[in-house]
Amino acid sequence: MSISELNESASVGIRRPCSLFRRFGAMLYDGLILVAIWMLGTALIVIVGNGGIDSGNILYQLYLLTLAFAYFHASWRIGQTLGMRTWRIWIDADDQPLTVGRSLLRFLGGLASLATLGLGFAWALTRHDRRAWPDMFSGSRLVSKPPTLNGA
């Protein structure tokens, strides 16, 4: 067995804290998916309502937030969003189910992090476990797995 094969077999299953770079990469991918979901959700309202929508309407804004939460909660329940999957990131919920309440706390932590211009995400740089506000709010953490030679 070669040294590279030994290194590869030793690294399988290793979970390390997610880097800020990977976190932002997944956020960019998920942002694109979220825009598509919002476009479909808006098209549904326009078609059913047979008219336009005022973007300043508070009910419409709450509807878009609900769509976003539904996407994230459904994805987090299975361990990762599509963007997280691309970047080899998943949620480690400390062997406890990620309930609607915990997902909501994670979602609100993400919104608070964005509202403070990324301070909640940059917070991860000051911690040895790299937990950002959404992780701390929900009692979970993002972990990543290094790529292997076979792509698994």
C-alpha atoms as a PDB file:
ATOM      1  CA  MET A   1       0.000   0.000   0.000  1.00  0.00           C
ATOM      2  CA  SER A   2       1.412   3.377  -0.977  1.00  0.00           C
ATOM      3  CA  ILE A   3       1.741   6.348   1.348  1.00  0.00           C
ATOM      4  CA  SER A   4      -0.956   8.265  -0.525  1.00  0.00           C
ATOM      5  CA  GLU A   5      -3.371   5.337  -0.094  1.00  0.00           C
ATOM      6  CA  LEU A   6      -2.596   5.242   3.634  1.00  0.00           C
ATOM      7  CA  ASN A   7      -3.203   8.964   3.916  1.00  0.00           C
ATOM      8  CA  GLU A   8      -6.447   8.633   1.988  1.00  0.00           C
ATOM      9  CA  SER A   9      -7.741   5.781   4.133  1.00  0.00           C
ATOM     10  CA  ALA A  10      -6.811   7.662   7.303  1.00  0.00           C
ATOM     11  CA  SER A  11      -8.696  10.770   6.202  1.00  0.00           C
ATOM     12  CA  VAL A  12     -11.942   8.974   5.329  1.00  0.00           C
ATOM     13  CA  GLY A  13     -14.614   9.928   7.824  1.00  0.00           C
ATOM     14  CA  ILE A  14     -12.665  12.846   9.281  1.00  0.00           C
ATOM     15  CA  ARG A  15     -14.924  15.745  10.134  1.00  0.00           C
ATOM     16  CA  ARG A  16     -13.259  19.076  10.486  1.00  0.00           C
ATOM     17  CA  PRO A  17     -14.840  22.451  11.144  1.00  0.00           C
ATOM     18  CA  CYS A  18     -16.050  24.168   7.999  1.00  0.00           C
ATOM     19  CA  SER A  19     -13.903  27.048   6.759  1.00  0.00           C
ATOM     20  CA  LEU A  20     -15.373  30.475   6.120  1.00  0.00           C
ATOM     21  CA  PHE A  21     -14.433  30.164   2.428  1.00  0.00           C
ATOM     22  CA  ARG A  22     -16.467  26.962   2.031  1.00  0.00           C
ATOM     23  CA  ARG A  23     -19.344  28.482   3.988  1.00  0.00           C
ATOM     24  CA  PHE A  24     -19.479  31.500   1.657  1.00  0.00           C
ATOM     25  CA  GLY A  25     -19.219  29.246  -1.416  1.00  0.00           C
ATOM     26  CA  ALA A  26     -22.218  27.223  -0.261  1.00  0.00           C
ATOM     27  CA  MET A  27     -24.104  30.435   0.544  1.00  0.00           C
ATOM     28  CA  LEU A  28     -23.526  31.694  -3.001  1.00  0.00           C
ATOM     29  CA  TYR A  29     -24.840  28.452  -4.517  1.00  0.00           C
ATOM     30  CA  ASP A  30     -27.826  28.359  -2.167  1.00  0.00           C
ATOM     31  CA  GLY A  31     -28.533  32.004  -2.951  1.00  0.00           C
ATOM     32  CA  LEU A  32     -28.924  31.158  -6.632  1.00  0.00           C
ATOM     33  CA  ILE A  33     -31.261  28.276  -5.786  1.00  0.00           C
ATOM     34  CA  LEU A  34     -33.232  30.544  -3.468  1.00  0.00           C
ATOM     35  CA  VAL A  35     -33.710  33.139  -6.223  1.00  0.00           C
ATOM     36  CA  ALA A  36     -35.131  30.406  -8.460  1.00  0.00           C
ATOM     37  CA  ILE A  37     -37.499  29.284  -5.678  1.00  0.00           C
ATOM     38  CA  TRP A  38     -38.630  32.881  -5.146  1.00  0.00           C
ATOM     39  CA  MET A  39     -39.219  33.314  -8.886  1.00  0.00           C
ATOM     40  CA  LEU A  40     -41.372  30.177  -9.009  1.00  0.00           C
ATOM     41  CA  GLY A  41     -43.236  31.193  -5.853  1.00  0.00           C
ATOM     42  CA  THR A  42     -43.880  34.664  -7.246  1.00  0.00           C
ATOM     43  CA  ALA A  43     -45.013  33.256 -10.600  1.00  0.00           C
ATOM     44  CA  LEU A  44     -47.494  31.054  -8.753  1.00  0.00           C
ATOM     45  CA  ILE A  45     -49.000  34.072  -6.984  1.00  0.00           C
ATOM     46  CA  VAL A  46     -49.139  36.133 -10.176  1.00  0.00           C
ATOM     47  CA  ILE A  47     -50.817  33.319 -12.130  1.00  0.00           C
ATOM     48  CA  VAL A  48     -53.319  32.430  -9.397  1.00  0.00           C
ATOM     49  CA  GLY A  49     -53.998  36.054  -8.473  1.00  0.00           C
ATOM     50  CA  ASN A  50     -54.155  37.137 -12.136  1.00  0.00           C
ATOM     51  CA  GLY A  51     -52.331  40.387 -11.348  1.00  0.00           C
ATOM     52  CA  GLY A  52     -49.178  42.040 -10.141  1.00  0.00           C
ATOM     53  CA  ILE A  53     -47.583  42.114  -6.711  1.00  0.00           C
ATOM     54  CA  ASP A  54     -46.319  45.127  -4.809  1.00  0.00           C
ATOM     55  CA  SER A  55     -42.799  44.166  -3.682  1.00  0.00           C
ATOM     56  CA  GLY A  56     -43.213  46.359  -0.595  1.00  0.00           C
ATOM     57  CA  ASN A  57     -46.212  44.366   0.595  1.00  0.00           C
ATOM     58  CA  ILE A  58     -45.351  42.920   4.015  1.00  0.00           C
ATOM     59  CA  LEU A  59     -47.377  39.749   3.371  1.00  0.00           C
ATOM     60  CA  TYR A  60     -45.428  39.137   0.174  1.00  0.00           C
ATOM     61  CA  GLN A  61     -42.123  39.627   1.999  1.00  0.00           C
ATOM     62  CA  LEU A  62     -43.214  37.202   4.727  1.00  0.00           C
ATOM     63  CA  TYR A  63     -44.214  34.745   1.993  1.00  0.00           C
ATOM     64  CA  LEU A  64     -40.699  34.942   0.503  1.00  0.00           C
ATOM     65  CA  LEU A  65     -39.136  34.437   3.955  1.00  0.00           C
ATOM     66  CA  THR A  66     -41.394  31.421   4.475  1.00  0.00           C
ATOM     67  CA  LEU A  67     -40.298  29.947   1.141  1.00  0.00           C
ATOM     68  CA  ALA A  68     -36.656  30.474   2.119  1.00  0.00           C
ATOM     69  CA  PHE A  69     -37.161  28.847   5.508  1.00  0.00           C
ATOM     70  CA  ALA A  70     -39.010  25.905   3.929  1.00  0.00           C
ATOM     71  CA  TYR A  71     -36.087  25.275   1.543  1.00  0.00           C
ATOM     72  CA  PHE A  72     -33.465  25.496   4.282  1.00  0.00           C
ATOM     73  CA  HIS A  73     -35.397  23.467   6.844  1.00  0.00           C
ATOM     74  CA  ALA A  74     -36.136  20.667   4.370  1.00  0.00           C
ATOM     75  CA  SER A  75     -32.470  20.601   3.336  1.00  0.00           C
ATOM     76  CA  TRP A  76     -31.052  20.806   6.861  1.00  0.00           C
ATOM     77  CA  ARG A  77     -33.273  17.936   8.000  1.00  0.00           C
ATOM     78  CA  ILE A  78     -31.458  15.645   5.560  1.00  0.00           C
ATOM     79  CA  GLY A  79     -28.077  17.103   6.520  1.00  0.00           C
ATOM     80  CA  GLN A  80     -27.169  19.553   3.795  1.00  0.00           C
ATOM     81  CA  THR A  81     -28.471  22.006   1.224  1.00  0.00           C
ATOM     82  CA  LEU A  82     -27.560  21.664  -2.449  1.00  0.00           C
ATOM     83  CA  GLY A  83     -24.902  24.351  -2.042  1.00  0.00           C
ATOM     84  CA  MET A  84     -23.478  22.583   1.010  1.00  0.00           C
ATOM     85  CA  ARG A  85     -23.381  19.314  -0.908  1.00  0.00           C
ATOM     86  CA  THR A  86     -21.308  20.896  -3.668  1.00  0.00           C
ATOM     87  CA  TRP A  87     -18.798  22.209  -1.124  1.00  0.00           C
ATOM     88  CA  ARG A  88     -18.731  18.930   0.898  1.00  0.00           C
ATOM     89  CA  ILE A  89     -20.301  20.522   3.960  1.00  0.00           C
ATOM     90  CA  TRP A  90     -22.981  19.089   6.197  1.00  0.00           C
ATOM     91  CA  ILE A  91     -24.665  19.890   9.484  1.00  0.00           C
ATOM     92  CA  ASP A  92     -23.552  18.081  12.597  1.00  0.00           C
ATOM     93  CA  ALA A  93     -26.501  18.423  14.956  1.00  0.00           C
ATOM     94  CA  ASP A  94     -24.802  16.601  17.860  1.00  0.00           C
ATOM     95  CA  ASP A  95     -26.829  13.396  17.341  1.00  0.00           C
ATOM     96  CA  GLN A  96     -30.115  15.200  17.971  1.00  0.00           C
ATOM     97  CA  PRO A  97     -32.769  15.809  15.337  1.00  0.00           C
ATOM     98  CA  LEU A  98     -32.830  19.217  13.705  1.00  0.00           C
ATOM     99  CA  THR A  99     -36.394  20.122  14.641  1.00  0.00           C
ATOM    100  CA  VAL A 100     -38.411  22.977  13.182  1.00  0.00           C
ATOM    101  CA  GLY A 101     -37.501  25.039  16.248  1.00  0.00           C
ATOM    102  CA  ARG A 102     -33.769  24.420  15.876  1.00  0.00           C
ATOM    103  CA  SER A 103     -33.985  25.110  12.132  1.00  0.00           C
ATOM    104  CA  LEU A 104     -35.812  28.356  12.861  1.00  0.00           C
ATOM    105  CA  LEU A 105     -33.089  29.392  15.309  1.00  0.00           C
ATOM    106  CA  ARG A 106     -30.447  28.551  12.683  1.00  0.00           C
ATOM    107  CA  PHE A 107     -32.375  30.531  10.053  1.00  0.00           C
ATOM    108  CA  LEU A 108     -32.748  33.562  12.349  1.00  0.00           C
ATOM    109  CA  GLY A 109     -29.048  33.338  13.217  1.00  0.00           C
ATOM    110  CA  GLY A 110     -28.259  33.445   9.517  1.00  0.00           C
ATOM    111  CA  LEU A 111     -30.522  36.449   9.001  1.00  0.00           C
ATOM    112  CA  ALA A 112     -28.882  38.226  11.950  1.00  0.00           C
ATOM    113  CA  SER A 113     -25.460  37.442  10.503  1.00  0.00           C
ATOM    114  CA  LEU A 114     -26.455  38.901   7.143  1.00  0.00           C
ATOM    115  CA  ALA A 115     -28.108  41.929   8.761  1.00  0.00           C
ATOM    116  CA  THR A 116     -24.837  42.762  10.533  1.00  0.00           C
ATOM    117  CA  LEU A 117     -22.981  42.646   7.196  1.00  0.00           C
ATOM    118  CA  GLY A 118     -21.460  39.247   7.870  1.00  0.00           C
ATOM    119  CA  LEU A 119     -20.346  39.793  11.448  1.00  0.00           C
ATOM    120  CA  GLY A 120     -22.085  36.603  12.560  1.00  0.00           C
ATOM    121  CA  PHE A 121     -20.159  34.589   9.980  1.00  0.00           C
ATOM    122  CA  ALA A 122     -16.856  36.367  10.644  1.00  0.00           C
ATOM    123  CA  TRP A 123     -17.394  35.430  14.300  1.00  0.00           C
ATOM    124  CA  ALA A 124     -16.330  31.917  13.292  1.00  0.00           C
ATOM    125  CA  LEU A 125     -12.796  33.221  12.693  1.00  0.00           C
ATOM    126  CA  THR A 126     -12.430  34.007  16.394  1.00  0.00           C
ATOM    127  CA  ARG A 127     -13.456  30.545  17.597  1.00  0.00           C
ATOM    128  CA  HIS A 128     -11.369  27.379  17.590  1.00  0.00           C
ATOM    129  CA  ASP A 129     -14.415  25.287  16.584  1.00  0.00           C
ATOM    130  CA  ARG A 130     -15.324  27.797  13.807  1.00  0.00           C
ATOM    131  CA  ARG A 131     -18.954  28.068  14.884  1.00  0.00           C
ATOM    132  CA  ALA A 132     -20.793  31.078  13.500  1.00  0.00           C
ATOM    133  CA  TRP A 133     -23.956  32.608  14.944  1.00  0.00           C
ATOM    134  CA  PRO A 134     -26.357  30.235  13.139  1.00  0.00           C
ATOM    135  CA  ASP A 135     -24.393  27.282  14.542  1.00  0.00           C
ATOM    136  CA  MET A 136     -24.412  28.650  18.072  1.00  0.00           C
ATOM    137  CA  PHE A 137     -28.110  29.606  17.955  1.00  0.00           C
ATOM    138  CA  SER A 138     -29.169  26.109  16.851  1.00  0.00           C
ATOM    139  CA  GLY A 139     -26.664  24.044  18.828  1.00  0.00           C
ATOM    140  CA  SER A 140     -25.185  22.567  15.675  1.00  0.00           C
ATOM    141  CA  ARG A 141     -22.101  23.083  13.549  1.00  0.00           C
ATOM    142  CA  LEU A 142     -20.999  22.868   9.952  1.00  0.00           C
ATOM    143  CA  VAL A 143     -18.336  20.286   9.189  1.00  0.00           C
ATOM    144  CA  SER A 144     -16.492  19.471   5.998  1.00  0.00           C
ATOM    145  CA  LYS A 145     -14.851  16.382   4.615  1.00  0.00           C
ATOM    146  CA  PRO A 146     -11.676  16.677   2.593  1.00  0.00           C
ATOM    147  CA  PRO A 147     -11.964  15.378  -0.981  1.00  0.00           C
ATOM    148  CA  THR A 148     -10.571  11.939  -1.697  1.00  0.00           C
ATOM    149  CA  LEU A 149      -8.850  10.697  -4.837  1.00  0.00           C
ATOM    150  CA  ASN A 150     -11.867   8.656  -5.931  1.00  0.00           C
ATOM    151  CA  GLY A 151     -14.180  11.697  -5.594  1.00  0.00           C
ATOM    152  CA  ALA A 152     -16.310  10.230  -2.807  1.00  0.00           C
END
